[in-house]
C-alpha atoms as a PDB file:
ATOM      1  CA  MET A   1     -13.043  -4.293  -2.801  1.00  0.00           C
ATOM      2  CA  SER A   2     -15.497  -1.475  -4.051  1.00  0.00           C
ATOM      3  CA  THR A   3     -16.089  -0.295  -7.146  1.00  0.00           C
ATOM      4  CA  LEU A   4     -15.366   3.514  -6.134  1.00  0.00           C
ATOM      5  CA  ALA A   5     -12.076   2.051  -4.156  1.00  0.00           C
ATOM      6  CA  GLY A   6     -10.985   0.060  -7.561  1.00  0.00           C
ATOM      7  CA  ILE A   7     -11.376   3.312  -9.490  1.00  0.00           C
ATOM      8  CA  HIS A   8      -9.133   5.529  -6.627  1.00  0.00           C
ATOM      9  CA  ARG A   9      -6.526   2.824  -6.793  1.00  0.00           C
ATOM     10  CA  LEU A  10      -6.099   3.059 -10.636  1.00  0.00           C
ATOM     11  CA  TRP A  11      -6.199   7.061 -10.446  1.00  0.00           C
ATOM     12  CA  ILE A  12      -3.096   6.398  -7.868  1.00  0.00           C
ATOM     13  CA  ASP A  13      -1.457   3.792 -10.364  1.00  0.00           C
ATOM     14  CA  VAL A  14      -2.286   7.137 -13.267  1.00  0.00           C
ATOM     15  CA  LYS A  15      -1.218   9.838 -10.767  1.00  0.00           C
ATOM     16  CA  ALA A  16       2.233   8.024 -10.478  1.00  0.00           C
ATOM     17  CA  THR A  17       2.792   7.457 -13.839  1.00  0.00           C
ATOM     18  CA  TRP A  18       2.473  11.263 -14.531  1.00  0.00           C
ATOM     19  CA  SER A  19       4.059  12.568 -11.826  1.00  0.00           C
ATOM     20  CA  LYS A  20       7.346  10.456 -11.941  1.00  0.00           C
ATOM     21  CA  LYS A  21       6.742   8.631  -8.900  1.00  0.00           C
ATOM     22  CA  ASP A  22       6.474  11.786  -7.126  1.00  0.00           C
ATOM     23  CA  ASP A  23       6.301   9.921  -3.506  1.00  0.00           C
ATOM     24  CA  GLU A  24       4.605  13.054  -1.946  1.00  0.00           C
ATOM     25  CA  ALA A  25       1.736  13.055  -4.720  1.00  0.00           C
ATOM     26  CA  ILE A  26       1.190   9.438  -4.323  1.00  0.00           C
ATOM     27  CA  LEU A  27       0.949   9.883  -0.441  1.00  0.00           C
ATOM     28  CA  GLU A  28      -1.128  12.972  -0.870  1.00  0.00           C
ATOM     29  CA  GLU A  29      -3.654  10.783  -3.031  1.00  0.00           C
ATOM     30  CA  CYS A  30      -3.632   7.999  -0.380  1.00  0.00           C
ATOM     31  CA  ILE A  31      -4.393  10.407   2.311  1.00  0.00           C
ATOM     32  CA  ARG A  32      -7.597  11.445   0.468  1.00  0.00           C
ATOM     33  CA  GLY A  33      -8.578   7.954  -0.077  1.00  0.00           C
ATOM     34  CA  GLU A  34      -8.131   7.004   3.220  1.00  0.00           C
ATOM     35  CA  LYS A  35      -9.855  10.013   4.763  1.00  0.00           C
ATOM     36  CA  SER A  36     -12.555   9.035   2.150  1.00  0.00           C
ATOM     37  CA  SER A  37     -12.885   5.804   3.418  1.00  0.00           C
ATOM     38  CA  LEU A  38     -12.658   7.005   6.837  1.00  0.00           C
ATOM     39  CA  LYS A  39     -15.961   9.299   6.565  1.00  0.00           C
ATOM     40  CA  GLU A  40     -17.890   6.158   5.131  1.00  0.00           C
ATOM     41  CA  TYR A  41     -17.213   4.080   8.267  1.00  0.00           C
ATOM     42  CA  GLN A  42     -18.041   7.164  10.404  1.00  0.00           C
ATOM     43  CA  GLU A  43     -21.453   7.843   8.371  1.00  0.00           C
ATOM     44  CA  LYS A  44     -22.172   3.983   8.591  1.00  0.00           C
ATOM     45  CA  ILE A  45     -21.554   3.867  12.466  1.00  0.00           C
ATOM     46  CA  ASP A  46     -23.597   6.972  13.270  1.00  0.00           C
ATOM     47  CA  ASN A  47     -26.468   5.701  11.609  1.00  0.00           C
ATOM     48  CA  ASN A  48     -27.222   3.424  14.650  1.00  0.00           C
ATOM     49  CA  LEU A  49     -29.360   1.044  12.371  1.00  0.00           C
ATOM     50  CA  LEU A  50     -26.268  -1.727  13.134  1.00  0.00           C
ATOM     51  CA  THR A  51     -26.054  -4.395  15.493  1.00  0.00           C
ATOM     52  CA  PRO A  52     -23.664  -3.966  18.350  1.00  0.00           C
ATOM     53  CA  GLU A  53     -21.371  -6.790  16.842  1.00  0.00           C
ATOM     54  CA  ILE A  54     -21.194  -4.896  13.253  1.00  0.00           C
ATOM     55  CA  LYS A  55     -20.821  -1.691  14.999  1.00  0.00           C
ATOM     56  CA  THR A  56     -18.093  -3.142  16.909  1.00  0.00           C
ATOM     57  CA  MET A  57     -16.558  -4.682  13.972  1.00  0.00           C
ATOM     58  CA  LEU A  58     -16.834  -1.369  11.913  1.00  0.00           C
ATOM     59  CA  GLU A  59     -15.129   0.512  14.687  1.00  0.00           C
ATOM     60  CA  MET A  60     -12.364  -1.649  14.736  1.00  0.00           C
ATOM     61  CA  GLN A  61     -11.678  -0.976  10.847  1.00  0.00           C
ATOM     62  CA  ARG A  62     -12.297   2.689  11.176  1.00  0.00           C
ATOM     63  CA  ASP A  63      -9.898   2.552  13.926  1.00  0.00           C
ATOM     64  CA  LYS A  64      -6.895   1.110  11.739  1.00  0.00           C
ATOM     65  CA  ILE A  65      -7.851   3.333   8.600  1.00  0.00           C
ATOM     66  CA  ALA A  66      -7.137   6.072  10.859  1.00  0.00           C
ATOM     67  CA  LYS A  67      -3.835   4.228  12.263  1.00  0.00           C
ATOM     68  CA  THR A  68      -3.178   3.921   8.594  1.00  0.00           C
ATOM     69  CA  ILE A  69      -3.876   7.686   7.578  1.00  0.00           C
ATOM     70  CA  ARG A  70      -1.285   8.889  10.514  1.00  0.00           C
ATOM     71  CA  GLN A  71       1.266   6.386   9.311  1.00  0.00           C
ATOM     72  CA  ILE A  72       1.045   7.608   5.533  1.00  0.00           C
ATOM     73  CA  LYS A  73       1.275  11.729   7.060  1.00  0.00           C
ATOM     74  CA  ILE A  74       4.622  10.298   9.177  1.00  0.00           C
ATOM     75  CA  LEU A  75       5.961   8.843   5.789  1.00  0.00           C
ATOM     76  CA  GLU A  76       4.828  12.075   3.940  1.00  0.00           C
ATOM     77  CA  ASP A  77       6.667  14.102   6.523  1.00  0.00           C
ATOM     78  CA  LEU A  78       9.840  12.224   6.177  1.00  0.00           C
ATOM     79  CA  LYS A  79       9.818  12.902   2.823  1.00  0.00           C
ATOM     80  CA  ALA A  80       9.305  16.364   3.136  1.00  0.00           C
END
């Protein structure tokens, strides 16, 4: 886990405590963090400096992150 990811997870924990476990706020923060990860993956994939194997691996991970975002949005819609 990167330092930034660790800080983000800590922020989600703090926000959950302050917002009295407001599910929607937590889900929004999760979406924000996943979108940030998605952007980072896409930037690395687009830089064209990767071997085909690494690029394929990153694309698969990027796709899993995109799927996670969709799933979180479904949860968020259920809470609304």
